[in-house]
C-alpha atoms as a PDB file:
ATOM      1  CA  UNK A   1    -110.532  29.093-133.390  1.00  0.00           C
ATOM      2  CA  UNK A   2    -114.064  30.347-133.090  1.00  0.00           C
ATOM      3  CA  UNK A   3    -114.938  30.940-129.444  1.00  0.00           C
ATOM      4  CA  UNK A   4    -118.477  32.222-129.546  1.00  0.00           C
ATOM      5  CA  UNK A   5    -119.995  32.024-133.033  1.00  0.00           C
ATOM      6  CA  UNK A   6    -123.437  33.032-134.204  1.00  0.00           C
ATOM      7  CA  UNK A   7    -124.499  35.145-131.232  1.00  0.00           C
ATOM      8  CA  UNK A   8    -127.007  37.773-132.329  1.00  0.00           C
ATOM      9  CA  UNK A   9    -127.040  41.223-130.758  1.00  0.00           C
ATOM     10  CA  UNK A  10    -129.926  42.312-128.587  1.00  0.00           C
ATOM     11  CA  UNK A  11    -132.237  45.270-129.325  1.00  0.00           C
ATOM     12  CA  UNK A  12    -129.672  47.652-127.830  1.00  0.00           C
ATOM     13  CA  UNK A  13    -126.949  46.345-130.174  1.00  0.00           C
ATOM     14  CA  UNK A  14    -124.903  44.554-127.532  1.00  0.00           C
ATOM     15  CA  UNK A  15    -123.877  40.949-127.674  1.00  0.00           C
ATOM     16  CA  UNK A  16    -122.325  38.798-125.001  1.00  0.00           C
ATOM     17  CA  UNK A  17    -121.046  35.295-124.672  1.00  0.00           C
ATOM     18  CA  UNK A  18    -118.924  33.440-122.174  1.00  0.00           C
ATOM     19  CA  UNK A  19    -115.798  31.559-123.165  1.00  0.00           C
ATOM     20  CA  UNK A  20    -112.552  30.287-121.706  1.00  0.00           C
ATOM     21  CA  UNK A  21    -109.243  31.521-123.051  1.00  0.00           C
ATOM     22  CA  UNK A  22    -105.628  30.446-122.895  1.00  0.00           C
ATOM     23  CA  UNK A  23    -102.441  32.348-123.659  1.00  0.00           C
ATOM     24  CA  UNK A  24    -102.670  31.119-127.248  1.00  0.00           C
ATOM     25  CA  UNK A  25    -106.083  32.786-127.772  1.00  0.00           C
ATOM     26  CA  UNK A  26    -104.830  36.362-128.001  1.00  0.00           C
ATOM     27  CA  UNK A  27    -105.752  38.565-129.802  1.00  0.00           C
ATOM     28  CA  UNK A  28    -109.535  38.229-129.527  1.00  0.00           C
ATOM     29  CA  UNK A  29    -111.419  39.485-132.585  1.00  0.00           C
ATOM     30  CA  UNK A  30    -115.112  40.405-132.742  1.00  0.00           C
ATOM     31  CA  UNK A  31    -116.577  40.341-136.219  1.00  0.00           C
ATOM     32  CA  UNK A  32    -119.989  41.826-137.052  1.00  0.00           C
ATOM     33  CA  UNK A  33    -121.661  40.845-140.304  1.00  0.00           C
ATOM     34  CA  UNK A  34    -125.074  41.990-141.521  1.00  0.00           C
ATOM     35  CA  UNK A  35    -124.991  39.774-144.612  1.00  0.00           C
ATOM     36  CA  UNK A  36    -123.727  42.570-146.811  1.00  0.00           C
ATOM     37  CA  UNK A  37    -120.974  44.275-144.849  1.00  0.00           C
ATOM     38  CA  UNK A  38    -118.481  43.010-142.304  1.00  0.00           C
ATOM     39  CA  UNK A  39    -116.472  44.867-139.668  1.00  0.00           C
ATOM     40  CA  UNK A  40    -113.971  43.610-137.077  1.00  0.00           C
ATOM     41  CA  UNK A  41    -112.289  44.855-133.942  1.00  0.00           C
ATOM     42  CA  UNK A  42    -109.496  43.097-132.027  1.00  0.00           C
ATOM     43  CA  UNK A  43    -108.052  43.349-128.548  1.00  0.00           C
ATOM     44  CA  UNK A  44    -104.881  41.787-127.190  1.00  0.00           C
ATOM     45  CA  UNK A  45    -105.400  39.955-123.931  1.00  0.00           C
ATOM     46  CA  UNK A  46    -102.677  39.686-121.339  1.00  0.00           C
ATOM     47  CA  UNK A  47    -103.492  36.386-119.714  1.00  0.00           C
ATOM     48  CA  UNK A  48    -101.834  35.923-116.354  1.00  0.00           C
ATOM     49  CA  UNK A  49    -101.674  32.662-114.461  1.00  0.00           C
ATOM     50  CA  UNK A  50    -102.109  32.306-110.735  1.00  0.00           C
ATOM     51  CA  UNK A  51     -98.940  30.205-110.435  1.00  0.00           C
ATOM     52  CA  UNK A  52     -96.352  31.550-107.979  1.00  0.00           C
ATOM     53  CA  UNK A  53     -92.765  32.226-109.039  1.00  0.00           C
ATOM     54  CA  UNK A  54     -90.342  29.283-109.049  1.00  0.00           C
ATOM     55  CA  UNK A  55     -87.365  29.583-106.687  1.00  0.00           C
ATOM     56  CA  UNK A  56     -84.310  27.285-106.558  1.00  0.00           C
ATOM     57  CA  UNK A  57     -81.367  27.745-104.174  1.00  0.00           C
ATOM     58  CA  UNK A  58     -78.078  26.529-105.659  1.00  0.00           C
ATOM     59  CA  UNK A  59     -75.562  27.545-103.010  1.00  0.00           C
ATOM     60  CA  UNK A  60     -74.914  27.010-100.156  1.00  0.00           C
ATOM     61  CA  UNK A  61     -76.100  23.413-100.228  1.00  0.00           C
ATOM     62  CA  UNK A  62     -78.886  22.349 -97.887  1.00  0.00           C
ATOM     63  CA  UNK A  63     -77.334  21.119 -94.618  1.00  0.00           C
ATOM     64  CA  UNK A  64     -73.938  22.735 -95.214  1.00  0.00           C
ATOM     65  CA  UNK A  65     -72.048  25.029 -92.860  1.00  0.00           C
ATOM     66  CA  UNK A  66     -69.477  27.794 -92.653  1.00  0.00           C
ATOM     67  CA  UNK A  67     -67.278  28.866 -89.779  1.00  0.00           C
ATOM     68  CA  UNK A  68     -67.948  32.081 -87.904  1.00  0.00           C
ATOM     69  CA  UNK A  69     -66.173  35.043 -89.475  1.00  0.00           C
ATOM     70  CA  UNK A  70     -66.145  33.495 -92.950  1.00  0.00           C
ATOM     71  CA  UNK A  71     -68.029  34.715 -96.014  1.00  0.00           C
ATOM     72  CA  UNK A  72     -70.002  32.511 -98.386  1.00  0.00           C
ATOM     73  CA  UNK A  73     -71.835  33.229-101.633  1.00  0.00           C
ATOM     74  CA  UNK A  74     -75.593  32.699-101.762  1.00  0.00           C
ATOM     75  CA  UNK A  75     -76.789  31.789-105.281  1.00  0.00           C
ATOM     76  CA  UNK A  76     -80.296  31.083-106.539  1.00  0.00           C
ATOM     77  CA  UNK A  77     -82.432  31.070-109.683  1.00  0.00           C
ATOM     78  CA  UNK A  78     -85.956  32.533-109.997  1.00  0.00           C
ATOM     79  CA  UNK A  79     -88.534  32.506-112.787  1.00  0.00           C
ATOM     80  CA  UNK A  80     -92.210  33.311-113.253  1.00  0.00           C
ATOM     81  CA  UNK A  81     -94.873  32.583-115.869  1.00  0.00           C
ATOM     82  CA  UNK A  82     -96.146  36.173-115.757  1.00  0.00           C
ATOM     83  CA  UNK A  83     -93.272  38.509-114.982  1.00  0.00           C
ATOM     84  CA  UNK A  84     -89.653  38.894-116.053  1.00  0.00           C
ATOM     85  CA  UNK A  85     -87.246  37.469-113.443  1.00  0.00           C
ATOM     86  CA  UNK A  86     -85.657  40.863-112.758  1.00  0.00           C
ATOM     87  CA  UNK A  87     -89.093  42.367-111.941  1.00  0.00           C
ATOM     88  CA  UNK A  88     -89.747  39.918-109.106  1.00  0.00           C
ATOM     89  CA  UNK A  89     -89.319  41.269-105.580  1.00  0.00           C
ATOM     90  CA  UNK A  90     -86.832  39.112-103.644  1.00  0.00           C
ATOM     91  CA  UNK A  91     -86.141  38.733 -99.931  1.00  0.00           C
ATOM     92  CA  UNK A  92     -83.625  36.383 -98.313  1.00  0.00           C
ATOM     93  CA  UNK A  93     -84.272  35.824 -94.615  1.00  0.00           C
ATOM     94  CA  UNK A  94     -82.744  33.881 -91.743  1.00  0.00           C
ATOM     95  CA  UNK A  95     -84.850  32.685 -88.832  1.00  0.00           C
ATOM     96  CA  UNK A  96     -82.008  33.898 -86.569  1.00  0.00           C
ATOM     97  CA  UNK A  97     -80.730  37.105 -88.203  1.00  0.00           C
ATOM     98  CA  UNK A  98     -83.845  38.344 -90.045  1.00  0.00           C
ATOM     99  CA  UNK A  99     -83.576  39.919 -93.503  1.00  0.00           C
ATOM    100  CA  UNK A 100     -80.204  39.294 -95.170  1.00  0.00           C
ATOM    101  CA  UNK A 101     -80.961  40.587 -98.684  1.00  0.00           C
ATOM    102  CA  UNK A 102     -83.693  42.374-100.618  1.00  0.00           C
ATOM    103  CA  UNK A 103     -83.582  43.209-104.290  1.00  0.00           C
ATOM    104  CA  UNK A 104     -84.018  41.626-107.679  1.00  0.00           C
ATOM    105  CA  UNK A 105     -82.475  38.961-109.869  1.00  0.00           C
ATOM    106  CA  UNK A 106     -80.611  39.757-113.057  1.00  0.00           C
ATOM    107  CA  UNK A 107     -82.577  39.510-116.350  1.00  0.00           C
ATOM    108  CA  UNK A 108     -81.817  35.787-116.658  1.00  0.00           C
ATOM    109  CA  UNK A 109     -83.136  35.083-113.135  1.00  0.00           C
ATOM    110  CA  UNK A 110     -79.797  34.621-111.385  1.00  0.00           C
ATOM    111  CA  UNK A 111     -79.477  35.851-107.798  1.00  0.00           C
ATOM    112  CA  UNK A 112     -76.133  36.219-106.014  1.00  0.00           C
ATOM    113  CA  UNK A 113     -75.155  37.903-102.757  1.00  0.00           C
ATOM    114  CA  UNK A 114     -72.407  37.489-100.168  1.00  0.00           C
ATOM    115  CA  UNK A 115     -73.320  36.287 -96.687  1.00  0.00           C
ATOM    116  CA  UNK A 116     -71.070  37.319 -93.808  1.00  0.00           C
ATOM    117  CA  UNK A 117     -71.286  38.208 -90.117  1.00  0.00           C
ATOM    118  CA  UNK A 118     -74.054  35.665 -89.512  1.00  0.00           C
ATOM    119  CA  UNK A 119     -74.875  34.695 -85.941  1.00  0.00           C
ATOM    120  CA  UNK A 120     -73.772  31.315 -84.643  1.00  0.00           C
ATOM    121  CA  UNK A 121     -76.284  28.509 -84.908  1.00  0.00           C
ATOM    122  CA  UNK A 122     -78.534  26.521 -87.204  1.00  0.00           C
ATOM    123  CA  UNK A 123     -80.201  28.909 -89.651  1.00  0.00           C
ATOM    124  CA  UNK A 124     -83.226  28.314 -91.830  1.00  0.00           C
ATOM    125  CA  UNK A 125     -82.538  30.452 -94.908  1.00  0.00           C
ATOM    126  CA  UNK A 126     -85.614  31.271 -97.029  1.00  0.00           C
ATOM    127  CA  UNK A 127     -85.616  33.058-100.389  1.00  0.00           C
ATOM    128  CA  UNK A 128     -89.034  34.489-101.294  1.00  0.00           C
ATOM    129  CA  UNK A 129     -89.881  35.797-104.777  1.00  0.00           C
ATOM    130  CA  UNK A 130     -93.072  37.862-105.165  1.00  0.00           C
ATOM    131  CA  UNK A 131     -94.599  38.750-108.544  1.00  0.00           C
ATOM    132  CA  UNK A 132     -96.675  41.863-109.240  1.00  0.00           C
ATOM    133  CA  UNK A 133     -99.908  39.954-108.550  1.00  0.00           C
ATOM    134  CA  UNK A 134     -98.677  39.171-105.029  1.00  0.00           C
ATOM    135  CA  UNK A 135     -98.071  35.466-105.642  1.00  0.00           C
ATOM    136  CA  UNK A 136     -95.077  34.193-103.661  1.00  0.00           C
ATOM    137  CA  UNK A 137     -92.691  31.340-104.363  1.00  0.00           C
ATOM    138  CA  UNK A 138     -90.159  30.204-101.762  1.00  0.00           C
ATOM    139  CA  UNK A 139     -87.219  27.879-101.319  1.00  0.00           C
ATOM    140  CA  UNK A 140     -85.627  27.006 -97.977  1.00  0.00           C
ATOM    141  CA  UNK A 141     -82.377  25.418 -96.843  1.00  0.00           C
ATOM    142  CA  UNK A 142     -80.847  24.607 -93.461  1.00  0.00           C
ATOM    143  CA  UNK A 143     -77.426  26.140 -92.913  1.00  0.00           C
ATOM    144  CA  UNK A 144     -75.107  26.180 -89.890  1.00  0.00           C
ATOM    145  CA  UNK A 145     -72.718  28.888 -88.776  1.00  0.00           C
ATOM    146  CA  UNK A 146     -70.157  27.045 -86.679  1.00  0.00           C
ATOM    147  CA  UNK A 147     -67.832  28.567 -84.089  1.00  0.00           C
ATOM    148  CA  UNK A 148     -64.176  27.654 -84.182  1.00  0.00           C
ATOM    149  CA  UNK A 149     -63.253  25.940 -80.912  1.00  0.00           C
ATOM    150  CA  UNK A 150     -60.778  27.508 -78.542  1.00  0.00           C
ATOM    151  CA  UNK A 151     -57.603  25.837 -77.320  1.00  0.00           C
ATOM    152  CA  UNK A 152     -57.622  22.999 -74.789  1.00  0.00           C
ATOM    153  CA  UNK A 153     -55.375  23.164 -71.735  1.00  0.00           C
ATOM    154  CA  UNK A 154     -53.014  20.168 -71.729  1.00  0.00           C
ATOM    155  CA  UNK A 155     -49.851  18.835 -70.121  1.00  0.00           C
ATOM    156  CA  UNK A 156     -47.518  15.952 -70.930  1.00  0.00           C
ATOM    157  CA  UNK A 157     -47.094  13.138 -68.444  1.00  0.00           C
ATOM    158  CA  UNK A 158     -44.565  12.484 -67.022  1.00  0.00           C
ATOM    159  CA  UNK A 159     -43.604  16.135 -66.631  1.00  0.00           C
ATOM    160  CA  UNK A 160     -39.869  15.317 -66.518  1.00  0.00           C
ATOM    161  CA  UNK A 161     -39.606  12.318 -68.873  1.00  0.00           C
ATOM    162  CA  UNK A 162     -36.566  10.164 -69.343  1.00  0.00           C
ATOM    163  CA  UNK A 163     -35.489   8.670 -72.659  1.00  0.00           C
ATOM    164  CA  UNK A 164     -37.295   5.382 -72.005  1.00  0.00           C
ATOM    165  CA  UNK A 165     -40.538   6.901 -70.661  1.00  0.00           C
ATOM    166  CA  UNK A 166     -43.754   6.706 -72.682  1.00  0.00           C
ATOM    167  CA  UNK A 167     -45.330  10.131 -73.089  1.00  0.00           C
ATOM    168  CA  UNK A 168     -49.020  10.767 -72.636  1.00  0.00           C
ATOM    169  CA  UNK A 169     -51.059  13.895 -73.369  1.00  0.00           C
ATOM    170  CA  UNK A 170     -53.467  14.783 -70.582  1.00  0.00           C
ATOM    171  CA  UNK A 171     -56.327  17.212 -71.279  1.00  0.00           C
ATOM    172  CA  UNK A 172     -56.735  19.396 -68.194  1.00  0.00           C
ATOM    173  CA  UNK A 173     -59.565  21.536 -69.615  1.00  0.00           C
ATOM    174  CA  UNK A 174     -61.548  20.954 -72.809  1.00  0.00           C
ATOM    175  CA  UNK A 175     -61.399  23.523 -75.554  1.00  0.00           C
ATOM    176  CA  UNK A 176     -64.301  25.968 -75.276  1.00  0.00           C
ATOM    177  CA  UNK A 177     -66.829  25.814 -78.118  1.00  0.00           C
ATOM    178  CA  UNK A 178     -69.430  28.596 -78.266  1.00  0.00           C
ATOM    179  CA  UNK A 179     -72.070  26.594 -80.089  1.00  0.00           C
ATOM    180  CA  UNK A 180     -71.647  23.470 -77.965  1.00  0.00           C
ATOM    181  CA  UNK A 181     -70.573  21.013 -80.676  1.00  0.00           C
ATOM    182  CA  UNK A 182     -68.850  17.863 -79.484  1.00  0.00           C
ATOM    183  CA  UNK A 183     -65.124  18.090 -80.155  1.00  0.00           C
ATOM    184  CA  UNK A 184     -62.518  15.559 -81.130  1.00  0.00           C
ATOM    185  CA  UNK A 185     -58.812  16.166 -80.618  1.00  0.00           C
ATOM    186  CA  UNK A 186     -55.894  15.506 -82.918  1.00  0.00           C
ATOM    187  CA  UNK A 187     -52.249  16.081 -82.053  1.00  0.00           C
ATOM    188  CA  UNK A 188     -48.847  15.492 -83.595  1.00  0.00           C
ATOM    189  CA  UNK A 189     -45.549  14.802 -81.801  1.00  0.00           C
ATOM    190  CA  UNK A 190     -42.410  16.686 -82.771  1.00  0.00           C
ATOM    191  CA  UNK A 191     -38.849  16.126 -81.597  1.00  0.00           C
ATOM    192  CA  UNK A 192     -36.265  18.883 -81.580  1.00  0.00           C
END
């Protein structure tokens, strides 16, 4: 498509015109014609958008949890209109533990790393992808690291039951729970 037709050069031989381009407009060709002869020169334009990278977290799911001492796999997908996925700079951070991962995606944009030894609590995990122009895309999930509760102190009442006595479990001291979650108890009777 003609972008700037019919512009005549000035006395110094230069010509200028203003036009808008899209990614489909490359290469740009300038053609000079004096009525008898014609000459052309072309340049390839690398047209970059100002859109940030796209970031999607696949795992763990938003609002999910893992128990302290366990390991989980963090998986995400990144892409960018300007740069290859594996050239994006990536950083996974926790608002509690700081930086958990820095690096790059594979060539298809897949990101995978193991998460372990996270502090107890409700984490906000954020994956940030930065392209070479400095544009940043982010995705965030909430994720809990839960402590396993300790053992409650109990006794059975009556302490010396007879065959016709009903047995009752009495909780003398609740099980400790480091992160303060409310606990429910479940027990099973066995006879030997």
